[in-house]
Protein backbone atom coordinates (compact mmCIF):
# COMPACT_ATOMS: atom_id res chain seq x y z
CA MET A 1 2.27 -6.66 2.89
CA GLY A 2 4.28 -9.46 4.46
CA ASP A 3 1.28 -11.12 6.09
CA ASN A 4 -0.58 -14.18 4.90
CA CYS A 5 -4.01 -15.74 5.01
CA CYS A 6 -3.56 -17.99 7.96
CA LEU A 7 -1.31 -16.60 10.69
CA PRO A 8 -3.18 -17.27 13.95
CA PHE A 9 -2.32 -13.84 15.40
CA SER A 10 -3.35 -11.82 12.32
CA MET A 11 -5.68 -12.90 9.51
CA GLY A 12 -6.39 -16.23 11.21
CA SER A 13 -7.59 -14.41 14.32
CA VAL A 14 -9.84 -12.12 12.26
CA LYS A 15 -11.43 -15.16 10.61
CA THR A 16 -12.03 -16.78 14.00
CA LEU A 17 -13.46 -13.57 15.48
CA ILE A 18 -15.99 -13.16 12.66
CA GLU A 19 -17.03 -16.80 12.91
CA GLU A 20 -17.57 -16.38 16.66
CA ARG A 21 -19.50 -13.11 16.40
CA VAL A 22 -21.60 -13.64 13.26
CA LYS A 23 -23.87 -16.64 13.56
CA GLY A 24 -23.49 -19.05 10.66
CA ALA A 25 -20.80 -16.97 8.96
CA TYR A 26 -18.81 -18.58 6.18
CA VAL A 27 -15.41 -16.87 6.13
CA VAL A 28 -12.73 -17.31 3.48
CA SER A 29 -9.29 -15.84 4.04
CA LEU A 30 -7.86 -15.65 0.53
CA MET A 31 -4.50 -17.31 -0.04
CA ILE A 32 -2.63 -15.96 -3.05
CA GLY A 33 -0.43 -18.92 -3.82
CA SER A 34 -0.29 -22.61 -3.00
CA ASN A 35 0.76 -22.18 0.63
CA PRO A 36 1.00 -19.44 3.30
CA GLY A 37 4.67 -18.85 2.53
CA ASP A 38 3.84 -18.14 -1.10
CA ASP A 39 1.07 -15.84 0.07
CA SER A 40 3.52 -13.71 2.07
CA TYR A 41 6.09 -13.62 -0.75
CA ASN A 42 3.47 -12.75 -3.35
CA SER A 43 2.37 -9.75 -1.30
CA TYR A 44 5.67 -8.18 -2.36
CA PHE A 45 6.52 -9.73 -5.69
CA MET A 46 3.44 -10.96 -7.59
CA PRO A 47 2.05 -8.24 -9.90
CA VAL A 48 -1.27 -6.94 -8.63
CA HIS A 49 -3.19 -7.90 -11.77
CA LYS A 50 -2.09 -11.52 -11.30
CA GLN A 51 -3.13 -11.44 -7.65
CA LEU A 52 -6.52 -10.11 -8.73
CA GLU A 53 -6.91 -12.89 -11.30
CA MET A 54 -6.22 -15.50 -8.61
CA ALA A 55 -8.57 -13.84 -6.13
CA CYS A 56 -11.30 -13.56 -8.76
CA ALA A 57 -11.00 -17.26 -9.57
CA LEU A 58 -11.23 -18.14 -5.87
CA VAL A 59 -14.37 -16.12 -5.14
CA SER A 60 -16.06 -16.86 -8.46
CA GLY A 61 -15.53 -20.59 -8.02
CA ASP A 62 -16.95 -20.73 -4.50
CA ALA A 63 -20.66 -21.58 -4.62
CA LYS A 64 -21.12 -20.39 -1.03
CA LEU A 65 -20.23 -16.85 -2.15
CA ALA A 66 -22.52 -16.78 -5.17
CA ALA A 67 -25.36 -14.97 -3.37
CA GLY A 68 -23.03 -12.14 -2.41
CA PHE A 69 -20.40 -11.58 0.24
CA HIS A 70 -18.79 -8.91 2.35
CA ALA A 71 -15.16 -8.16 1.40
CA ILE A 72 -12.68 -6.95 4.00
CA GLY A 73 -9.10 -5.93 3.23
CA PHE A 74 -6.40 -4.84 5.61
CA SER A 75 -3.65 -2.38 4.59
CA GLN A 76 -2.73 -2.96 0.92
CA GLY A 77 -5.43 -5.63 0.94
CA GLY A 78 -7.98 -2.84 1.40
CA LEU A 79 -6.92 -1.39 -1.94
CA PHE A 80 -6.83 -4.79 -3.59
CA VAL A 81 -10.33 -5.89 -2.51
CA ARG A 82 -11.69 -2.65 -3.93
CA ALA A 83 -9.88 -3.48 -7.20
CA LEU A 84 -11.34 -6.99 -7.02
CA ALA A 85 -14.86 -5.57 -6.78
CA GLN A 86 -14.20 -3.39 -9.83
CA THR A 87 -12.49 -5.99 -12.03
CA CYS A 88 -14.02 -9.37 -11.19
CA PRO A 89 -17.34 -10.18 -12.91
CA GLY A 90 -17.99 -13.02 -10.47
CA ALA A 91 -17.49 -10.95 -7.33
CA LYS A 92 -20.87 -9.90 -5.96
CA VAL A 93 -19.59 -7.66 -3.19
CA ARG A 94 -22.05 -6.37 -0.63
CA ASN A 95 -20.22 -4.28 1.97
CA LEU A 96 -16.71 -3.41 0.78
CA ILE A 97 -14.54 -2.67 3.81
CA SER A 98 -11.02 -1.24 3.62
CA ILE A 99 -9.13 -1.07 6.91
CA GLY A 100 -6.09 1.16 6.49
CA GLY A 101 -6.05 0.64 2.72
CA PRO A 102 -4.01 3.14 0.62
CA GLN A 103 -6.76 3.93 -1.88
CA GLN A 104 -4.74 6.72 -3.50
CA GLY A 105 -1.46 4.89 -3.08
CA VAL A 106 1.54 5.95 -1.02
CA PHE A 107 4.42 8.34 -1.44
CA GLY A 108 6.79 7.28 1.27
CA LEU A 109 7.82 4.05 2.97
CA PRO A 110 9.00 5.09 6.45
CA GLU A 111 8.31 1.68 7.95
CA CYS A 112 8.10 -1.79 6.47
CA LEU A 113 6.38 -4.60 8.34
CA GLY A 114 8.01 -7.58 6.67
CA GLU A 115 11.28 -9.44 7.23
CA LYS A 116 14.37 -7.25 7.27
CA GLY A 117 15.87 -8.70 4.11
CA VAL A 118 12.63 -8.35 2.16
CA CYS A 119 12.16 -4.76 3.34
CA GLU A 120 15.69 -3.91 2.24
CA GLU A 121 14.95 -5.37 -1.19
CA VAL A 122 11.74 -3.32 -1.43
CA LYS A 123 13.54 -0.09 -0.62
CA LYS A 124 16.36 -0.91 -3.03
CA LEU A 125 13.90 -1.43 -5.89
CA LEU A 126 12.03 1.80 -5.12
CA ASP A 127 15.34 3.65 -5.03
CA LEU A 128 16.20 2.26 -8.47
CA GLY A 129 13.15 4.01 -9.84
CA ALA A 130 9.57 3.12 -8.97
CA TYR A 131 8.33 3.68 -12.53
CA THR A 132 10.99 1.77 -14.45
CA PRO A 133 9.67 -1.32 -16.27
CA LEU A 134 11.84 -3.61 -14.11
CA VAL A 135 10.50 -2.30 -10.82
CA GLN A 136 6.90 -2.00 -12.01
CA SER A 137 6.95 -5.63 -13.14
CA ARG A 138 8.72 -6.86 -10.01
CA LEU A 139 7.49 -4.96 -6.97
CA VAL A 140 3.88 -4.81 -5.77
CA GLN A 141 4.39 -1.64 -3.72
CA ALA A 142 5.71 0.21 -6.79
CA GLN A 143 2.36 -0.45 -8.45
CA TYR A 144 0.64 1.84 -5.97
CA TRP A 145 3.59 4.24 -5.56
CA HIS A 146 2.02 7.62 -6.28
CA ASP A 147 4.43 10.47 -6.95
CA PRO A 148 2.24 13.59 -7.22
CA ARG A 149 5.14 15.61 -8.65
CA SER A 150 5.89 13.39 -11.64
CA PRO A 151 3.99 12.79 -14.91
CA ALA A 152 5.67 9.38 -14.90
CA TYR A 153 3.07 8.22 -12.37
CA GLN A 154 0.15 8.23 -14.81
CA LYS A 155 2.32 7.22 -17.75
CA TYR A 156 4.20 4.28 -16.27
CA ASN A 157 2.40 3.06 -13.14
CA VAL A 158 0.75 -0.17 -14.29
CA PHE A 159 -2.00 -0.44 -11.67
CA LEU A 160 -3.17 2.49 -9.56
CA PRO A 161 -4.01 5.14 -12.21
CA GLY A 162 -6.07 2.59 -14.11
CA ILE A 163 -8.03 1.26 -11.15
CA ASN A 164 -8.74 4.86 -10.04
CA ASN A 165 -9.92 5.86 -13.54
CA GLU A 166 -7.32 8.60 -13.85
CA GLY A 167 -6.16 9.99 -17.18
CA ASP A 168 -8.13 10.23 -20.39
CA ALA A 169 -9.24 6.61 -20.63
CA LYS A 170 -12.05 5.85 -18.18
CA ASN A 171 -13.39 2.35 -17.62
CA ALA A 172 -17.14 2.74 -17.12
CA THR A 173 -17.39 -0.82 -15.80
CA TYR A 174 -15.14 0.01 -12.85
CA ARG A 175 -17.52 2.77 -11.82
CA GLU A 176 -20.64 0.68 -12.39
CA ARG A 177 -19.36 -2.21 -10.30
CA LEU A 178 -18.27 0.01 -7.42
CA LEU A 179 -21.72 1.60 -7.39
CA GLN A 180 -23.26 -1.85 -6.94
CA VAL A 181 -21.86 -2.31 -3.42
CA GLU A 182 -24.20 -1.71 -0.50
CA ASN A 183 -21.60 0.39 1.31
CA LEU A 184 -17.99 1.37 0.77
CA VAL A 185 -16.43 1.52 4.23
CA LEU A 186 -13.04 3.21 4.63
CA VAL A 187 -11.17 3.11 7.95
CA LYS A 188 -8.39 5.65 8.49
CA PHE A 189 -5.86 5.35 11.31
CA LEU A 190 -5.35 8.80 12.78
CA ASN A 191 -1.76 8.13 13.88
CA ASP A 192 -0.69 6.05 10.89
CA THR A 193 3.03 6.14 10.09
CA ILE A 194 2.97 3.34 7.49
CA VAL A 195 0.61 4.79 4.86
CA VAL A 196 1.97 8.16 3.71
CA PRO A 197 -0.09 10.26 3.53
CA ARG A 198 -2.57 8.61 5.88
CA ASP A 199 -5.39 10.54 4.15
CA SER A 200 -5.01 8.05 1.28
CA GLU A 201 -7.07 5.68 3.43
CA TRP A 202 -10.04 8.03 2.77
CA PHE A 203 -9.04 8.70 -0.87
CA GLY A 204 -7.27 11.94 0.05
CA PHE A 205 -3.83 12.67 -1.36
CA TYR A 206 -1.28 15.39 -2.05
CA ALA A 207 -2.51 18.04 -4.44
CA ALA A 208 -0.93 17.62 -7.86
CA GLY A 209 2.58 18.95 -8.33
CA GLN A 210 3.79 18.87 -4.71
CA ASP A 211 4.06 16.59 -1.70
CA THR A 212 3.24 18.82 1.30
CA GLU A 213 -0.40 19.93 1.00
CA VAL A 214 -2.93 17.14 1.31
CA GLN A 215 -6.15 17.53 -0.66
CA PRO A 216 -9.22 15.85 0.85
CA LEU A 217 -11.29 13.58 -1.33
CA GLU A 218 -14.13 16.08 -1.72
CA GLU A 219 -11.78 18.65 -3.32
CA SER A 220 -10.17 16.25 -5.78
CA PRO A 221 -11.25 15.66 -9.40
CA LEU A 222 -11.64 11.99 -8.49
CA TYR A 223 -14.66 13.16 -6.48
CA THR A 224 -15.85 16.33 -8.23
CA GLU A 225 -15.78 14.65 -11.65
CA ASP A 226 -16.86 11.38 -10.01
CA TRP A 227 -14.58 9.03 -11.91
CA LEU A 228 -15.43 6.10 -9.61
CA GLY A 229 -18.90 6.96 -8.31
CA LEU A 230 -17.62 8.08 -4.90
CA LYS A 231 -19.69 11.26 -5.01
CA VAL A 232 -22.83 9.25 -5.71
CA LEU A 233 -22.01 6.84 -2.89
CA LYS A 234 -21.51 9.69 -0.44
CA GLU A 235 -24.68 11.53 -1.47
CA GLN A 236 -26.62 8.30 -0.98
CA GLY A 237 -25.07 7.70 2.45
CA ARG A 238 -23.18 4.63 1.22
CA LEU A 239 -19.64 5.99 1.62
CA LEU A 240 -18.79 5.44 5.28
CA LEU A 241 -15.61 7.16 6.50
CA LEU A 242 -14.54 5.74 9.85
CA SER A 243 -11.59 6.96 11.89
CA CYS A 244 -9.62 4.90 14.35
CA LEU A 245 -7.10 6.00 16.95
CA GLY A 246 -3.73 4.30 16.74
CA ASN A 247 -0.97 3.52 14.29
CA HIS A 248 -1.40 1.34 11.23
CA LEU A 249 -3.85 -1.54 11.90
CA GLN A 250 -3.58 -0.95 15.65
CA MET A 251 -7.27 -1.00 16.43
CA PRO A 252 -8.21 -0.25 20.03
CA PRO A 253 -10.16 -2.95 21.90
CA GLY A 254 -13.70 -3.19 20.68
CA PHE A 255 -13.29 -1.19 17.47
CA PHE A 256 -13.66 -4.12 15.08
CA THR A 257 -16.52 -5.76 16.97
CA GLU A 258 -18.41 -2.48 17.43
CA SER A 259 -17.78 -0.81 14.06
CA ILE A 260 -17.24 -3.65 11.56
CA ILE A 261 -19.04 -6.75 12.84
CA PRO A 262 -22.52 -5.12 12.66
CA LEU A 263 -21.98 -4.58 8.91
CA LEU A 264 -21.51 -8.31 8.29
CA THR A 265 -25.15 -9.25 7.91
CA PRO A 266 -26.17 -12.45 6.10
CA PRO A 267 -27.46 -12.21 2.52
CA PRO A 268 -31.21 -11.76 2.09
CA PRO A 269 -33.19 -15.00 1.64
């Protein structure tokens, strides 16, 4: 949210770090748009399904990714790369790594990391009504706005309930594709004030009907009824829940190189 593919102090530095630490690594930092400015803007205002279509075309059309690739997403990107793995036939994802990704959405926006004017526009649209057709079609963050108290969430949210296989209609392909990853790696920031509740980064969320008691993943129907295959992944040791001290995306020195880099192995010959 507000970042782009190529800033040298954010995604650009991650790309460089991986290239330095993983011998022979081919790293693509996806740009959603024709330039980095578009990429930043689209992180607020391009509907998620359109972003996924663009991302799918990029990875499917890259011959160097055809043998399989590791997918890493930061913040809302952690949710979106998981959606990419579920929706894109050409995405052969090996390790799927979400760093601070709101897998169950958010219900609160206490801090916004973008430009002041953009953040004010985001809050204005959410205040208008997150589940109105105007806001759902206009604002990315509304598409993973998860109000546990309102039936409007499942009825009118155009992205998150579907990708999480909530409601009566279940997409078996979403579950099958997620089960094809080698590991699903979820990093939660223990002092996060951006993702509310922070447990969403491990698929936890408020129990239905209220917004005070947080229900861990293992107690939710998402897990017990295994809508996405998360129970299978955990039982097979392929659901890796990592915790990280610090606020949102504030990884202490060495965390990424010690916890994430070892997962980025080359594809088998």
